[in-house]
Amino acid sequence: MKLQLKKNIYEYFSELEDPRVDGTKRHKLIHIITITICAVICGADTWIDIESYGESLL
């Protein structure tokens, strides 16, 4: 039996309001959320680890 996802990350978080000031946004909130989730799954324990993971994708 094959499992099917009901929603993907974008669909799940698409209604989340971004509390940041518009002029200071360098990255889309959905990108930050996705990178954070992936980094934690890969073993990131701190925000520094998450930042390093995100930078490694460049």
Foldseek 3Di string as FASTA:
>chain_A
DDDDDPDDLCVVCVPPDDPDDPVPDPDDPSVLVVLVVVQVVVPDDDVVSSVVSVVVVD
